[in-house]
Amino acid sequence: MFGIGWPEVIVISLVGVAIFGAKRIPEIGRSVGQALRGFQDEVKGSGEAADRSDSPDKD
């Protein structure tokens, strides 16, 4: 996992809680998850749009 062990994960988590507070951590996680989901949807959508633009029109 990127060369990060459990002690480092615990320290990073504690620093995050100290900086943002325990109430804001779930909000931050939720917004990051929504951003990643939106990014993935856009990447998948652009791939589908490229596939559609390559096909000839049936007019």
N, C-alpha and C. Protein backbone atom coordinates (compact mmCIF):
# COMPACT_ATOMS: atom_id res chain seq x y z
N MET A 1 0.85 -1.19 0.00
CA MET A 1 0.00 0.00 0.00
C MET A 1 0.89 1.24 0.00
N PHE A 2 1.56 1.51 -1.08
CA PHE A 2 2.38 2.70 -1.27
C PHE A 2 3.50 2.83 -0.25
N GLY A 3 3.90 1.75 0.38
CA GLY A 3 4.98 1.80 1.35
C GLY A 3 4.57 2.44 2.66
N ILE A 4 3.28 2.55 2.92
CA ILE A 4 2.80 3.14 4.17
C ILE A 4 2.29 2.01 5.05
N GLY A 5 2.80 1.93 6.26
CA GLY A 5 2.38 0.90 7.20
C GLY A 5 1.29 1.41 8.12
N TRP A 6 0.83 0.51 8.98
CA TRP A 6 -0.24 0.87 9.91
C TRP A 6 0.13 2.01 10.87
N PRO A 7 1.35 2.05 11.38
CA PRO A 7 1.69 3.18 12.26
C PRO A 7 1.57 4.54 11.55
N GLU A 8 1.98 4.58 10.28
CA GLU A 8 1.87 5.83 9.53
C GLU A 8 0.41 6.21 9.29
N VAL A 9 -0.43 5.21 9.00
CA VAL A 9 -1.85 5.46 8.78
C VAL A 9 -2.49 6.02 10.05
N ILE A 10 -2.13 5.47 11.19
CA ILE A 10 -2.67 5.95 12.47
C ILE A 10 -2.23 7.39 12.72
N VAL A 11 -0.96 7.69 12.48
CA VAL A 11 -0.47 9.05 12.69
C VAL A 11 -1.16 10.03 11.76
N ILE A 12 -1.32 9.66 10.49
CA ILE A 12 -2.00 10.54 9.53
C ILE A 12 -3.45 10.76 9.95
N SER A 13 -4.11 9.70 10.43
CA SER A 13 -5.50 9.84 10.89
C SER A 13 -5.60 10.77 12.09
N LEU A 14 -4.69 10.63 13.03
CA LEU A 14 -4.71 11.50 14.20
C LEU A 14 -4.45 12.95 13.83
N VAL A 15 -3.54 13.18 12.90
CA VAL A 15 -3.28 14.55 12.44
C VAL A 15 -4.52 15.11 11.74
N GLY A 16 -5.18 14.29 10.93
CA GLY A 16 -6.41 14.73 10.26
C GLY A 16 -7.49 15.10 11.25
N VAL A 17 -7.67 14.30 12.28
CA VAL A 17 -8.66 14.60 13.31
C VAL A 17 -8.28 15.87 14.07
N ALA A 18 -6.99 16.05 14.33
CA ALA A 18 -6.54 17.25 15.04
C ALA A 18 -6.76 18.50 14.21
N ILE A 19 -6.55 18.41 12.91
CA ILE A 19 -6.69 19.59 12.05
C ILE A 19 -8.16 19.90 11.76
N PHE A 20 -8.93 18.90 11.33
CA PHE A 20 -10.29 19.15 10.87
C PHE A 20 -11.35 18.93 11.93
N GLY A 21 -11.06 18.17 12.95
CA GLY A 21 -12.05 17.85 13.96
C GLY A 21 -12.81 16.60 13.59
N ALA A 22 -13.32 15.93 14.60
CA ALA A 22 -13.98 14.64 14.39
C ALA A 22 -15.29 14.78 13.62
N LYS A 23 -15.96 15.91 13.72
CA LYS A 23 -17.25 16.08 13.04
C LYS A 23 -17.09 16.31 11.54
N ARG A 24 -15.99 16.89 11.11
CA ARG A 24 -15.81 17.22 9.70
C ARG A 24 -15.22 16.08 8.89
N ILE A 25 -14.61 15.08 9.52
CA ILE A 25 -13.97 13.98 8.80
C ILE A 25 -14.98 13.23 7.91
N PRO A 26 -16.18 12.85 8.39
CA PRO A 26 -17.13 12.18 7.50
C PRO A 26 -17.58 13.06 6.34
N GLU A 27 -17.73 14.36 6.57
CA GLU A 27 -18.12 15.27 5.49
C GLU A 27 -17.04 15.32 4.41
N ILE A 28 -15.79 15.38 4.85
CA ILE A 28 -14.68 15.43 3.90
C ILE A 28 -14.61 14.12 3.11
N GLY A 29 -14.75 13.00 3.78
CA GLY A 29 -14.74 11.71 3.10
C GLY A 29 -15.87 11.58 2.09
N ARG A 30 -17.05 12.06 2.46
CA ARG A 30 -18.21 12.01 1.57
C ARG A 30 -17.97 12.87 0.33
N SER A 31 -17.44 14.07 0.51
CA SER A 31 -17.22 14.95 -0.63
C SER A 31 -16.11 14.42 -1.54
N VAL A 32 -15.08 13.82 -0.96
CA VAL A 32 -14.02 13.22 -1.78
C VAL A 32 -14.58 12.04 -2.56
N GLY A 33 -15.42 11.23 -1.94
CA GLY A 33 -16.04 10.10 -2.63
C GLY A 33 -16.93 10.55 -3.78
N GLN A 34 -17.71 11.61 -3.56
CA GLN A 34 -18.56 12.13 -4.63
C GLN A 34 -17.73 12.69 -5.77
N ALA A 35 -16.64 13.35 -5.44
CA ALA A 35 -15.77 13.90 -6.48
C ALA A 35 -15.15 12.78 -7.31
N LEU A 36 -14.67 11.73 -6.64
CA LEU A 36 -14.09 10.60 -7.37
C LEU A 36 -15.13 9.90 -8.23
N ARG A 37 -16.35 9.74 -7.71
CA ARG A 37 -17.41 9.11 -8.48
C ARG A 37 -17.76 9.94 -9.70
N GLY A 38 -17.83 11.26 -9.53
CA GLY A 38 -18.09 12.14 -10.66
C GLY A 38 -16.99 12.08 -11.70
N PHE A 39 -15.75 12.02 -11.25
CA PHE A 39 -14.62 11.91 -12.16
C PHE A 39 -14.69 10.61 -12.95
N GLN A 40 -15.00 9.50 -12.27
CA GLN A 40 -15.10 8.22 -12.95
C GLN A 40 -16.24 8.22 -13.96
N ASP A 41 -17.37 8.84 -13.60
CA ASP A 41 -18.49 8.92 -14.53
C ASP A 41 -18.13 9.73 -15.77
N GLU A 42 -17.39 10.82 -15.58
CA GLU A 42 -16.97 11.63 -16.71
C GLU A 42 -16.00 10.89 -17.61
N VAL A 43 -15.08 10.13 -17.00
CA VAL A 43 -14.13 9.37 -17.80
C VAL A 43 -14.86 8.29 -18.60
N LYS A 44 -15.77 7.59 -17.97
CA LYS A 44 -16.55 6.57 -18.66
C LYS A 44 -17.45 7.20 -19.71
N GLY A 45 -18.03 8.34 -19.40
CA GLY A 45 -18.91 9.03 -20.34
C GLY A 45 -18.17 9.54 -21.56
N SER A 46 -16.95 10.04 -21.38
CA SER A 46 -16.18 10.53 -22.52
C SER A 46 -15.75 9.38 -23.42
N GLY A 47 -15.50 8.22 -22.83
CA GLY A 47 -15.17 7.05 -23.63
C GLY A 47 -16.36 6.59 -24.46
N GLU A 48 -17.55 6.63 -23.89
CA GLU A 48 -18.75 6.26 -24.62
C GLU A 48 -19.05 7.28 -25.70
N ALA A 49 -18.83 8.55 -25.43
CA ALA A 49 -19.07 9.59 -26.42
C ALA A 49 -18.11 9.43 -27.59
N ALA A 50 -16.87 9.06 -27.32
CA ALA A 50 -15.90 8.85 -28.40
C ALA A 50 -16.31 7.65 -29.24
N ASP A 51 -16.83 6.61 -28.61
CA ASP A 51 -17.28 5.44 -29.36
C ASP A 51 -18.46 5.80 -30.26
N ARG A 52 -19.37 6.60 -29.76
CA ARG A 52 -20.52 7.01 -30.55
C ARG A 52 -20.12 7.92 -31.71
N SER A 53 -19.12 8.77 -31.50
CA SER A 53 -18.74 9.70 -32.56
C SER A 53 -17.99 8.98 -33.69
N ASP A 54 -17.40 7.83 -33.40
CA ASP A 54 -16.69 7.07 -34.43
C ASP A 54 -17.65 6.32 -35.35
N SER A 55 -18.82 6.00 -34.84
CA SER A 55 -19.76 5.23 -35.66
C SER A 55 -20.45 6.15 -36.66
N PRO A 56 -20.69 5.68 -37.89
CA PRO A 56 -21.35 6.52 -38.88
C PRO A 56 -22.82 6.72 -38.55
N ASP A 57 -23.35 7.86 -38.97
CA ASP A 57 -24.77 8.14 -38.75
C ASP A 57 -25.61 7.31 -39.70
N LYS A 58 -26.81 6.98 -39.25
CA LYS A 58 -27.70 6.17 -40.08
C LYS A 58 -28.78 7.03 -40.71
N ASP A 59 -28.46 8.24 -41.09
CA ASP A 59 -29.44 9.13 -41.71
C ASP A 59 -29.62 8.86 -43.17
